[in-house]
């Protein structure tokens, strides 16, 4: 689940950053940044989720659920911004 949340957030962040740095010519920078950010987001989300699940003691379960919820809300906010802009 963390990969599903982190990948779009990093993809949008990298796309916005690349567009800011390199300009918006035909969306090439945004596409490249989105692809790189999405791939890194999948790896980071999967690794982080795996780390939280395999942790000994697992007393951080509530924190993990809180951060996943915050990530899901941020993703929905970003998607709403893209849809209505």
Protein backbone atom coordinates (compact mmCIF):
# COMPACT_ATOMS: atom_id res chain seq x y z
CA UNK A 1 0.00 0.00 0.00
CA UNK A 2 2.88 2.35 0.73
CA UNK A 3 4.14 1.98 -2.84
CA UNK A 4 0.75 2.99 -4.21
CA UNK A 5 0.85 6.16 -2.11
CA UNK A 6 4.52 7.14 -2.36
CA UNK A 7 4.95 6.57 -6.11
CA UNK A 8 2.43 9.16 -7.33
CA UNK A 9 3.54 11.71 -4.74
CA UNK A 10 7.19 11.45 -5.74
CA UNK A 11 6.27 11.37 -9.43
CA UNK A 12 4.33 14.63 -9.10
CA UNK A 13 7.08 16.22 -7.00
CA UNK A 14 9.82 15.24 -9.46
CA UNK A 15 7.71 16.35 -12.44
CA UNK A 16 7.06 19.76 -10.86
CA UNK A 17 10.72 20.13 -9.90
CA UNK A 18 11.97 19.18 -13.36
CA UNK A 19 9.53 21.60 -15.00
CA UNK A 20 10.68 24.35 -12.65
CA UNK A 21 14.35 23.67 -13.38
CA UNK A 22 14.25 22.96 -17.12
CA UNK A 23 11.09 24.68 -18.34
CA UNK A 24 7.90 23.32 -19.83
CA UNK A 25 8.93 22.72 -23.45
CA UNK A 26 6.49 20.06 -24.70
CA UNK A 27 6.31 18.56 -21.21
CA UNK A 28 9.52 16.59 -21.72
CA UNK A 29 10.99 17.58 -18.36
CA UNK A 30 7.77 16.76 -16.54
CA UNK A 31 7.55 13.34 -18.19
CA UNK A 32 11.15 12.49 -17.37
CA UNK A 33 10.84 13.71 -13.80
CA UNK A 34 7.57 11.85 -13.34
CA UNK A 35 9.03 8.58 -14.57
CA UNK A 36 12.09 8.86 -12.33
CA UNK A 37 10.04 9.96 -9.33
CA UNK A 38 7.49 7.20 -9.84
CA UNK A 39 10.14 4.51 -10.01
CA UNK A 40 11.90 5.84 -6.91
CA UNK A 41 8.54 6.09 -5.13
CA UNK A 42 7.71 2.47 -5.82
CA UNK A 43 11.07 1.35 -4.48
CA UNK A 44 10.92 3.63 -1.44
CA UNK A 45 7.32 2.70 -0.64
CA UNK A 46 7.93 -1.01 -1.01
CA UNK A 47 11.12 -0.86 1.04
CA UNK A 48 9.52 1.24 3.76
CA UNK A 49 6.45 -0.96 3.94
CA UNK A 50 8.57 -4.09 4.07
CA UNK A 51 10.70 -2.58 6.82
CA UNK A 52 7.64 -1.68 8.89
CA UNK A 53 6.12 -5.13 8.49
CA UNK A 54 9.28 -7.08 9.27
CA UNK A 55 10.35 -4.96 12.23
CA UNK A 56 10.74 -6.78 15.50
CA UNK A 57 8.26 -5.80 18.20
CA UNK A 58 6.07 -3.94 15.67
CA UNK A 59 5.17 -1.28 18.20
CA UNK A 60 5.16 1.31 15.40
CA UNK A 61 1.99 0.00 13.77
CA UNK A 62 -0.08 3.05 14.71
CA UNK A 63 2.56 5.39 13.36
CA UNK A 64 2.71 3.47 10.10
CA UNK A 65 -1.06 3.66 9.67
CA UNK A 66 -1.00 7.39 10.44
CA UNK A 67 1.68 8.09 7.84
CA UNK A 68 -0.08 5.94 5.24
CA UNK A 69 -3.28 7.89 5.90
CA UNK A 70 -1.47 11.22 5.56
CA UNK A 71 0.12 9.99 2.34
CA UNK A 72 -3.24 8.90 0.95
CA UNK A 73 -4.77 12.29 1.75
CA UNK A 74 -1.85 14.10 0.12
CA UNK A 75 -2.20 11.94 -2.97
CA UNK A 76 -5.92 12.71 -3.20
CA UNK A 77 -5.22 16.42 -2.75
CA UNK A 78 -2.62 16.34 -5.54
CA UNK A 79 -4.94 14.43 -7.86
CA UNK A 80 -7.74 16.91 -7.17
CA UNK A 81 -5.37 19.79 -7.93
CA UNK A 82 -4.36 18.21 -11.23
CA UNK A 83 -7.96 17.38 -12.16
CA UNK A 84 -9.29 20.87 -11.52
CA UNK A 85 -6.40 22.96 -12.84
